[in-house]
Every structure is written in structure tokens, then in C-alpha cells.
Protein backbone atom coordinates (compact mmCIF):
# COMPACT_ATOMS: atom_id res chain seq x y z
CA HIS A 1 220.36 58.36 97.77
CA GLU A 2 219.14 55.70 100.18
CA ALA A 3 220.30 57.40 103.39
CA GLY A 4 218.47 60.61 102.50
CA SER A 5 215.30 58.69 101.72
CA TRP A 6 215.57 56.87 105.06
CA LEU A 7 216.00 60.15 106.95
CA LYS A 8 213.07 61.72 105.13
CA ALA A 9 210.82 58.83 106.15
CA ASP A 10 212.16 58.02 109.62
CA ALA A 11 213.67 61.15 111.20
CA THR A 12 212.92 64.81 111.73
CA PRO A 13 215.39 67.61 111.06
CA SER A 14 216.24 69.45 114.27
CA ASP A 15 219.07 71.04 116.17
CA ARG A 16 219.51 67.64 117.90
CA VAL A 17 220.73 66.03 114.66
CA TYR A 18 224.47 66.02 113.96
CA ILE A 19 224.84 65.68 110.19
CA ASP A 20 228.05 66.16 108.27
CA SER A 21 226.75 65.14 104.85
CA GLY A 22 225.29 67.88 102.69
CA ARG A 23 224.35 65.34 100.05
CA THR A 24 222.38 63.21 102.52
CA ALA A 25 220.68 66.32 103.96
CA PHE A 26 219.73 67.38 100.41
CA TYR A 27 218.14 64.02 99.57
CA ALA A 28 216.27 64.05 102.89
CA GLY A 29 214.83 67.46 101.98
CA TRP A 30 216.65 69.00 104.95
CA ARG A 31 217.87 72.09 103.14
CA LYS A 32 217.90 74.39 106.18
CA ILE A 33 219.65 72.13 108.70
CA ALA A 34 223.05 73.26 109.96
CA LEU A 35 225.83 70.96 108.80
CA ALA A 36 228.65 69.84 111.07
CA PRO A 37 232.21 70.00 109.73
CA ARG A 38 232.97 66.98 107.55
CA HIS A 39 235.29 64.34 108.96
CA ASP A 40 236.30 66.41 111.98
CA GLN A 41 236.79 63.81 114.67
CA ALA A 42 237.57 66.38 117.37
CA VAL A 43 234.23 68.16 116.80
CA LEU A 44 232.40 64.83 116.74
CA GLU A 45 234.04 63.63 119.96
CA SER A 46 233.27 66.96 121.66
CA ALA A 47 229.60 66.69 120.63
CA LEU A 48 229.45 63.16 122.01
CA LYS A 49 231.00 64.20 125.33
CA LYS A 50 228.56 67.09 125.69
CA ARG A 51 225.64 64.84 124.67
CA SER A 52 224.54 67.61 122.34
CA TYR A 53 222.76 65.43 119.77
CA SER A 54 220.31 62.56 119.74
CA LEU A 55 221.04 61.42 116.16
CA TYR A 56 224.29 61.34 114.20
CA VAL A 57 224.48 61.14 110.40
CA LEU A 58 228.05 60.60 109.24
CA GLU A 59 229.31 60.22 105.70
CA LEU A 60 232.50 58.19 105.46
CA LYS A 61 234.35 58.26 102.15
CA SER A 62 236.23 55.10 101.24
CA LYS A 63 239.46 57.08 100.75
CA GLU A 64 239.26 58.90 104.10
CA THR A 65 240.26 56.26 106.59
CA VAL A 66 240.98 58.05 109.88
CA LEU A 67 237.38 58.40 111.09
CA ASP A 68 236.47 55.14 109.38
CA GLN A 69 239.08 53.30 111.48
CA THR A 70 237.92 54.86 114.75
CA ILE A 71 234.13 54.93 114.30
CA ASP A 72 233.75 51.62 116.18
CA LYS A 73 235.57 53.08 119.19
CA LEU A 74 233.22 56.04 119.56
CA PRO A 75 230.24 55.85 121.96
CA LEU A 76 227.73 55.42 119.14
CA ARG A 77 225.12 52.77 118.46
CA ILE A 78 224.74 52.34 114.71
CA ILE A 79 221.08 51.96 113.80
CA LYS A 80 221.40 52.03 110.01
CA GLU A 81 224.24 51.91 107.51
CA PHE A 82 224.14 52.60 103.80
CA ARG A 83 227.03 51.55 101.57
CA SER A 84 227.63 52.62 97.97
CA PRO A 85 229.32 50.40 95.37
CA ASN A 86 232.53 52.48 95.65
CA GLY A 87 232.82 51.81 99.39
CA ASP A 88 231.52 55.15 100.69
CA ARG A 89 229.17 54.82 103.67
CA VAL A 90 226.56 56.85 105.49
CA ILE A 91 226.08 55.81 109.09
CA ILE A 92 223.04 56.75 111.14
CA ALA A 93 223.67 56.36 114.85
CA THR A 94 222.45 57.33 118.29
CA PRO A 95 224.59 57.98 121.34
CA ASP A 96 225.43 54.82 123.23
CA THR A 97 224.25 55.83 126.67
CA SER A 98 225.83 52.76 128.24
CA ALA A 99 229.29 53.96 127.15
CA THR A 100 231.31 56.73 128.73
CA PRO A 101 232.22 59.28 126.05
């Protein structure tokens, strides 16, 4: 899994990482990191408003369109995106500090 390999090489697991993808965490070797609820936009928006995290790892399934349609409206700066042949994506982002959450 490309996203997990990228995280393993370029990021450090911590309580400042919001990750909702167990599969990506597994491939990164981050077996003890707390996972955020999957596809829960309210939890994600709350975390962004509180500025609780410095890195966001979000898995977007091709069939789950609500978050996928609104991801561009959230105060996030996408730094890396991984796309599978079936249309699923993993997005790695940081808070956009120039935006008001």
C-alpha cells in the first residue's frame, strides 16, 4: 500500500496525526496509533476547528461520496494523494493555516 509506505518513510506516528484508515496505519507499521472514526465529517471538522492535529490521513472510498465531495472545501492543504485503480484514495494533508476553519 503506497500511502502506508509513504507514511513509514516520511512521517512519525503521534497523537498529532488524525488517521481514519486502519489499512494505511497497518502498512505504515503504526499498529498502536489511535484511529479516528471513518468518514465522520463532523468529527473531522471539529478536529480542524480545534487545530488538534498537524497531519491528516484520510481514506476516501470511491462509493462514499459525501466526504469526497466536500474535501476541497475543508481547511486542508493536500500534500500527497494516493489513488487505487478502483478509485479509492488516501489523502495526506496538513491544516491550511491561511484558512479559517
